Amino acid sequence: MSTNLRESQDKNQQAEDDLKKAKENHEVRVEERTSELVELTRKLVDEISERKHVEERLARIATSDLLTGVMNRRAMFEQLRYQLVRHQRNKTPFVILIADVDHFKNINH
C-alpha cells in the first residue's frame, strides 16, 4: 500500500511541476504577445495620425489656391451656399464682396 501511495504522490508532484512550468511558459508568452500588441498599437496610432495630417493637407489643397491660400472657386461656392442657408434660417444680414484682380501674377511677383 505504501508503494501505491508513494507512486501516487510522485505522480501528483510531477503533475504539479508540469503545471507550474506550463503556467510559467504561458505567462512568458502572454508578456511577449502583450509587448508585441503594444508596439503594433503605437505604430497604428502613428499611422492614423499621419493619415489624418495628409487628409487635412489634401482638403486644404482641394479648397484653396496654393499660391495665395485664398479659397478657390469650389470652396467659395460651397461657403456661399452655407451662408445663404444660414441667412435664410436666421434672417441675418448677408453681404457678398467679390474682387477680380486682372494680371494677378504681375502683382504677386
N, C-alpha and C. Protein backbone atom coordinates (compact mmCIF):
# COMPACT_ATOMS: atom_id res chain seq x y z
N MET A 1 0.81 -1.19 0.00
CA MET A 1 0.00 0.00 0.00
C MET A 1 0.86 1.26 0.00
N SER A 2 1.95 1.23 0.76
CA SER A 2 2.78 2.41 0.81
C SER A 2 3.47 2.66 -0.52
N THR A 3 3.69 1.64 -1.30
CA THR A 3 4.27 1.79 -2.62
C THR A 3 3.28 2.51 -3.53
N ASN A 4 2.03 2.12 -3.47
CA ASN A 4 1.00 2.79 -4.28
C ASN A 4 0.83 4.25 -3.86
N LEU A 5 0.88 4.46 -2.56
CA LEU A 5 0.75 5.84 -2.06
C LEU A 5 1.93 6.68 -2.54
N ARG A 6 3.12 6.11 -2.47
CA ARG A 6 4.32 6.84 -2.91
C ARG A 6 4.25 7.13 -4.41
N GLU A 7 3.82 6.17 -5.19
CA GLU A 7 3.69 6.37 -6.64
C GLU A 7 2.66 7.46 -6.94
N SER A 8 1.57 7.45 -6.21
CA SER A 8 0.53 8.45 -6.40
C SER A 8 1.04 9.84 -6.04
N GLN A 9 1.79 9.94 -4.94
CA GLN A 9 2.37 11.22 -4.54
C GLN A 9 3.38 11.71 -5.58
N ASP A 10 4.20 10.79 -6.10
CA ASP A 10 5.18 11.16 -7.13
C ASP A 10 4.48 11.67 -8.40
N LYS A 11 3.39 10.99 -8.79
CA LYS A 11 2.63 11.43 -9.97
C LYS A 11 2.00 12.80 -9.74
N ASN A 12 1.47 12.99 -8.53
CA ASN A 12 0.87 14.29 -8.21
C ASN A 12 1.93 15.39 -8.24
N GLN A 13 3.11 15.10 -7.68
CA GLN A 13 4.20 16.08 -7.68
C GLN A 13 4.64 16.40 -9.11
N GLN A 14 4.76 15.35 -9.92
CA GLN A 14 5.15 15.56 -11.33
C GLN A 14 4.10 16.40 -12.05
N ALA A 15 2.83 16.11 -11.79
CA ALA A 15 1.74 16.88 -12.43
C ALA A 15 1.79 18.33 -11.98
N GLU A 16 2.04 18.58 -10.69
CA GLU A 16 2.15 19.95 -10.18
C GLU A 16 3.34 20.66 -10.82
N ASP A 17 4.47 19.97 -10.94
CA ASP A 17 5.65 20.56 -11.57
C ASP A 17 5.38 20.89 -13.04
N ASP A 18 4.75 19.97 -13.73
CA ASP A 18 4.42 20.21 -15.13
C ASP A 18 3.46 21.40 -15.27
N LEU A 19 2.48 21.46 -14.39
CA LEU A 19 1.52 22.56 -14.42
C LEU A 19 2.21 23.90 -14.13
N LYS A 20 3.12 23.90 -13.18
CA LYS A 20 3.87 25.12 -12.85
C LYS A 20 4.70 25.60 -14.04
N LYS A 21 5.38 24.66 -14.70
CA LYS A 21 6.18 25.00 -15.89
C LYS A 21 5.29 25.53 -17.02
N ALA A 22 4.16 24.88 -17.21
CA ALA A 22 3.23 25.32 -18.26
C ALA A 22 2.72 26.72 -17.96
N LYS A 23 2.43 26.98 -16.68
CA LYS A 23 1.95 28.31 -16.30
C LYS A 23 3.03 29.36 -16.54
N GLU A 24 4.27 29.06 -16.16
CA GLU A 24 5.38 30.00 -16.38
C GLU A 24 5.58 30.26 -17.87
N ASN A 25 5.54 29.21 -18.68
CA ASN A 25 5.68 29.37 -20.14
C ASN A 25 4.54 30.22 -20.70
N HIS A 26 3.35 29.97 -20.21
CA HIS A 26 2.18 30.73 -20.67
C HIS A 26 2.33 32.22 -20.30
N GLU A 27 2.77 32.50 -19.08
CA GLU A 27 2.96 33.89 -18.65
C GLU A 27 4.01 34.59 -19.50
N VAL A 28 5.08 33.89 -19.84
CA VAL A 28 6.11 34.47 -20.70
C VAL A 28 5.52 34.79 -22.07
N ARG A 29 4.77 33.85 -22.63
CA ARG A 29 4.14 34.07 -23.94
C ARG A 29 3.15 35.23 -23.91
N VAL A 30 2.40 35.34 -22.81
CA VAL A 30 1.44 36.44 -22.68
C VAL A 30 2.18 37.78 -22.63
N GLU A 31 3.27 37.85 -21.86
CA GLU A 31 4.06 39.08 -21.78
C GLU A 31 4.65 39.45 -23.14
N GLU A 32 5.18 38.46 -23.86
CA GLU A 32 5.73 38.72 -25.19
C GLU A 32 4.66 39.23 -26.14
N ARG A 33 3.52 38.57 -26.14
CA ARG A 33 2.43 38.97 -27.05
C ARG A 33 1.89 40.35 -26.67
N THR A 34 1.80 40.62 -25.38
CA THR A 34 1.35 41.94 -24.93
C THR A 34 2.31 43.02 -25.42
N SER A 35 3.60 42.77 -25.32
CA SER A 35 4.60 43.73 -25.82
C SER A 35 4.44 43.95 -27.32
N GLU A 36 4.23 42.87 -28.05
CA GLU A 36 4.02 42.98 -29.49
C GLU A 36 2.79 43.82 -29.79
N LEU A 37 1.71 43.56 -29.07
CA LEU A 37 0.47 44.30 -29.31
C LEU A 37 0.60 45.78 -28.95
N VAL A 38 1.33 46.07 -27.89
CA VAL A 38 1.57 47.47 -27.52
C VAL A 38 2.33 48.18 -28.63
N GLU A 39 3.35 47.54 -29.17
CA GLU A 39 4.13 48.13 -30.26
C GLU A 39 3.29 48.31 -31.52
N LEU A 40 2.50 47.30 -31.85
CA LEU A 40 1.63 47.40 -33.03
C LEU A 40 0.60 48.51 -32.85
N THR A 41 0.07 48.65 -31.65
CA THR A 41 -0.90 49.71 -31.38
C THR A 41 -0.25 51.08 -31.54
N ARG A 42 0.97 51.24 -31.03
CA ARG A 42 1.69 52.51 -31.18
C ARG A 42 1.90 52.84 -32.64
N LYS A 43 2.30 51.84 -33.42
CA LYS A 43 2.52 52.06 -34.85
C LYS A 43 1.21 52.42 -35.55
N LEU A 44 0.14 51.77 -35.17
CA LEU A 44 -1.16 52.05 -35.77
C LEU A 44 -1.62 53.47 -35.44
N VAL A 45 -1.42 53.90 -34.20
CA VAL A 45 -1.78 55.27 -33.80
C VAL A 45 -0.96 56.26 -34.61
N ASP A 46 0.34 56.00 -34.77
CA ASP A 46 1.20 56.88 -35.57
C ASP A 46 0.72 56.95 -37.01
N GLU A 47 0.37 55.79 -37.57
CA GLU A 47 -0.10 55.74 -38.96
C GLU A 47 -1.42 56.49 -39.13
N ILE A 48 -2.32 56.34 -38.19
CA ILE A 48 -3.61 57.05 -38.24
C ILE A 48 -3.38 58.54 -38.15
N SER A 49 -2.49 58.95 -37.25
CA SER A 49 -2.18 60.38 -37.10
C SER A 49 -1.60 60.95 -38.39
N GLU A 50 -0.67 60.23 -38.99
CA GLU A 50 -0.07 60.68 -40.26
C GLU A 50 -1.13 60.77 -41.35
N ARG A 51 -2.00 59.77 -41.40
CA ARG A 51 -3.06 59.77 -42.42
C ARG A 51 -3.99 60.97 -42.24
N LYS A 52 -4.32 61.30 -40.99
CA LYS A 52 -5.18 62.47 -40.73
C LYS A 52 -4.51 63.75 -41.21
N HIS A 53 -3.20 63.87 -40.94
CA HIS A 53 -2.48 65.07 -41.40
C HIS A 53 -2.50 65.16 -42.92
N VAL A 54 -2.29 64.04 -43.58
CA VAL A 54 -2.30 64.02 -45.05
C VAL A 54 -3.69 64.40 -45.57
N GLU A 55 -4.73 63.84 -44.96
CA GLU A 55 -6.10 64.15 -45.39
C GLU A 55 -6.42 65.63 -45.18
N GLU A 56 -5.98 66.20 -44.05
CA GLU A 56 -6.19 67.63 -43.81
C GLU A 56 -5.46 68.47 -44.85
N ARG A 57 -4.25 68.06 -45.16
CA ARG A 57 -3.47 68.80 -46.18
C ARG A 57 -4.15 68.71 -47.55
N LEU A 58 -4.62 67.52 -47.89
CA LEU A 58 -5.33 67.36 -49.17
C LEU A 58 -6.60 68.20 -49.21
N ALA A 59 -7.30 68.27 -48.09
CA ALA A 59 -8.52 69.09 -48.04
C ALA A 59 -8.17 70.56 -48.25
N ARG A 60 -7.07 71.03 -47.64
CA ARG A 60 -6.65 72.43 -47.85
C ARG A 60 -6.27 72.67 -49.31
N ILE A 61 -5.54 71.72 -49.88
CA ILE A 61 -5.13 71.85 -51.28
C ILE A 61 -6.35 71.87 -52.19
N ALA A 62 -7.35 71.03 -51.88
CA ALA A 62 -8.53 70.93 -52.73
C ALA A 62 -9.44 72.15 -52.62
N THR A 63 -9.30 72.94 -51.56
CA THR A 63 -10.23 74.06 -51.37
C THR A 63 -9.57 75.42 -51.39
N SER A 64 -8.28 75.49 -51.66
CA SER A 64 -7.63 76.81 -51.67
C SER A 64 -6.61 76.91 -52.79
N ASP A 65 -6.30 78.14 -53.11
CA ASP A 65 -5.27 78.43 -54.11
C ASP A 65 -3.91 78.21 -53.46
N LEU A 66 -3.05 77.43 -54.08
CA LEU A 66 -1.77 77.11 -53.49
C LEU A 66 -0.88 78.34 -53.32
N LEU A 67 -0.99 79.28 -54.23
CA LEU A 67 -0.14 80.47 -54.20
C LEU A 67 -0.57 81.45 -53.12
N THR A 68 -1.85 81.72 -53.03
CA THR A 68 -2.32 82.76 -52.11
C THR A 68 -2.94 82.21 -50.82
N GLY A 69 -3.41 80.98 -50.85
CA GLY A 69 -4.10 80.43 -49.68
C GLY A 69 -5.56 80.83 -49.62
N VAL A 70 -6.01 81.62 -50.60
CA VAL A 70 -7.40 82.07 -50.65
C VAL A 70 -8.28 80.92 -51.14
N MET A 71 -9.54 80.90 -50.68
CA MET A 71 -10.45 79.85 -51.14
C MET A 71 -10.53 79.82 -52.66
N ASN A 72 -10.57 78.63 -53.20
CA ASN A 72 -10.76 78.51 -54.64
C ASN A 72 -12.26 78.62 -54.96
N ARG A 73 -12.57 78.55 -56.23
CA ARG A 73 -13.95 78.74 -56.68
C ARG A 73 -14.90 77.72 -56.03
N ARG A 74 -14.49 76.47 -56.03
CA ARG A 74 -15.33 75.41 -55.45
C ARG A 74 -15.63 75.68 -53.97
N ALA A 75 -14.60 76.01 -53.21
CA ALA A 75 -14.77 76.29 -51.78
C ALA A 75 -15.61 77.54 -51.57
N MET A 76 -15.40 78.54 -52.44
CA MET A 76 -16.17 79.77 -52.31
C MET A 76 -17.66 79.50 -52.52
N PHE A 77 -18.00 78.74 -53.55
CA PHE A 77 -19.43 78.44 -53.79
C PHE A 77 -20.02 77.59 -52.66
N GLU A 78 -19.23 76.69 -52.13
CA GLU A 78 -19.70 75.88 -51.00
C GLU A 78 -19.98 76.78 -49.79
N GLN A 79 -19.08 77.70 -49.52
CA GLN A 79 -19.26 78.64 -48.40
C GLN A 79 -20.45 79.57 -48.64
N LEU A 80 -20.62 80.01 -49.89
CA LEU A 80 -21.78 80.85 -50.22
C LEU A 80 -23.09 80.11 -49.99
N ARG A 81 -23.16 78.86 -50.43
CA ARG A 81 -24.38 78.07 -50.18
C ARG A 81 -24.65 77.93 -48.68
N TYR A 82 -23.62 77.65 -47.92
CA TYR A 82 -23.76 77.51 -46.47
C TYR A 82 -24.28 78.81 -45.85
N GLN A 83 -23.67 79.94 -46.23
CA GLN A 83 -24.06 81.23 -45.66
C GLN A 83 -25.48 81.63 -46.10
N LEU A 84 -25.86 81.27 -47.31
CA LEU A 84 -27.21 81.57 -47.78
C LEU A 84 -28.26 80.82 -46.95
N VAL A 85 -28.00 79.55 -46.72
CA VAL A 85 -28.92 78.76 -45.88
C VAL A 85 -28.97 79.34 -44.48
N ARG A 86 -27.83 79.71 -43.96
CA ARG A 86 -27.77 80.32 -42.62
C ARG A 86 -28.55 81.64 -42.59
N HIS A 87 -28.38 82.44 -43.64
CA HIS A 87 -29.12 83.72 -43.74
C HIS A 87 -30.63 83.46 -43.77
N GLN A 88 -31.06 82.51 -44.57
CA GLN A 88 -32.49 82.22 -44.68
C GLN A 88 -33.06 81.69 -43.35
N ARG A 89 -32.29 80.92 -42.65
CA ARG A 89 -32.75 80.34 -41.39
C ARG A 89 -32.79 81.39 -40.27
N ASN A 90 -31.74 82.23 -40.17
CA ASN A 90 -31.61 83.17 -39.05
C ASN A 90 -32.05 84.59 -39.39
N LYS A 91 -32.33 84.85 -40.67
CA LYS A 91 -32.70 86.21 -41.11
C LYS A 91 -31.63 87.23 -40.73
N THR A 92 -30.38 86.86 -40.91
CA THR A 92 -29.26 87.76 -40.62
C THR A 92 -28.81 88.46 -41.90
N PRO A 93 -28.12 89.59 -41.77
CA PRO A 93 -27.63 90.29 -42.97
C PRO A 93 -26.71 89.39 -43.78
N PHE A 94 -26.73 89.63 -45.09
CA PHE A 94 -25.95 88.80 -45.99
C PHE A 94 -25.31 89.72 -47.03
N VAL A 95 -23.98 89.76 -47.06
CA VAL A 95 -23.26 90.62 -47.99
C VAL A 95 -22.22 89.77 -48.72
N ILE A 96 -22.07 90.04 -50.01
CA ILE A 96 -21.06 89.35 -50.81
C ILE A 96 -20.16 90.40 -51.43
N LEU A 97 -18.86 90.21 -51.28
CA LEU A 97 -17.88 91.08 -51.91
C LEU A 97 -16.96 90.19 -52.73
N ILE A 98 -16.93 90.44 -54.03
CA ILE A 98 -16.08 89.65 -54.92
C ILE A 98 -15.15 90.61 -55.64
N ALA A 99 -13.87 90.29 -55.63
CA ALA A 99 -12.89 91.12 -56.33
C ALA A 99 -12.21 90.26 -57.38
N ASP A 100 -12.13 90.78 -58.58
CA ASP A 100 -11.45 90.10 -59.67
C ASP A 100 -10.23 90.93 -60.02
N VAL A 101 -9.06 90.40 -59.73
CA VAL A 101 -7.84 91.16 -59.97
C VAL A 101 -7.22 90.67 -61.28
N ASP A 102 -7.16 91.58 -62.25
CA ASP A 102 -6.54 91.24 -63.53
C ASP A 102 -5.03 91.23 -63.36
N HIS A 103 -4.39 90.36 -64.09
CA HIS A 103 -2.92 90.26 -64.10
C HIS A 103 -2.38 90.04 -62.69
N PHE A 104 -3.01 89.15 -61.94
CA PHE A 104 -2.62 88.90 -60.56
C PHE A 104 -1.18 88.41 -60.46
N LYS A 105 -0.73 87.66 -61.45
CA LYS A 105 0.63 87.14 -61.41
C LYS A 105 1.65 88.30 -61.37
N ASN A 106 1.37 89.37 -62.08
CA ASN A 106 2.27 90.53 -62.07
C ASN A 106 2.30 91.17 -60.69
N ILE A 107 1.18 91.22 -60.02
CA ILE A 107 1.12 91.81 -58.68
C ILE A 107 1.84 90.92 -57.68
N ASN A 108 1.71 89.64 -57.81
CA ASN A 108 2.26 88.71 -56.83
C ASN A 108 3.78 88.61 -56.89
N HIS A 109 4.38 88.90 -58.01
CA HIS A 109 5.86 88.78 -58.12
C HIS A 109 6.47 89.89 -57.41
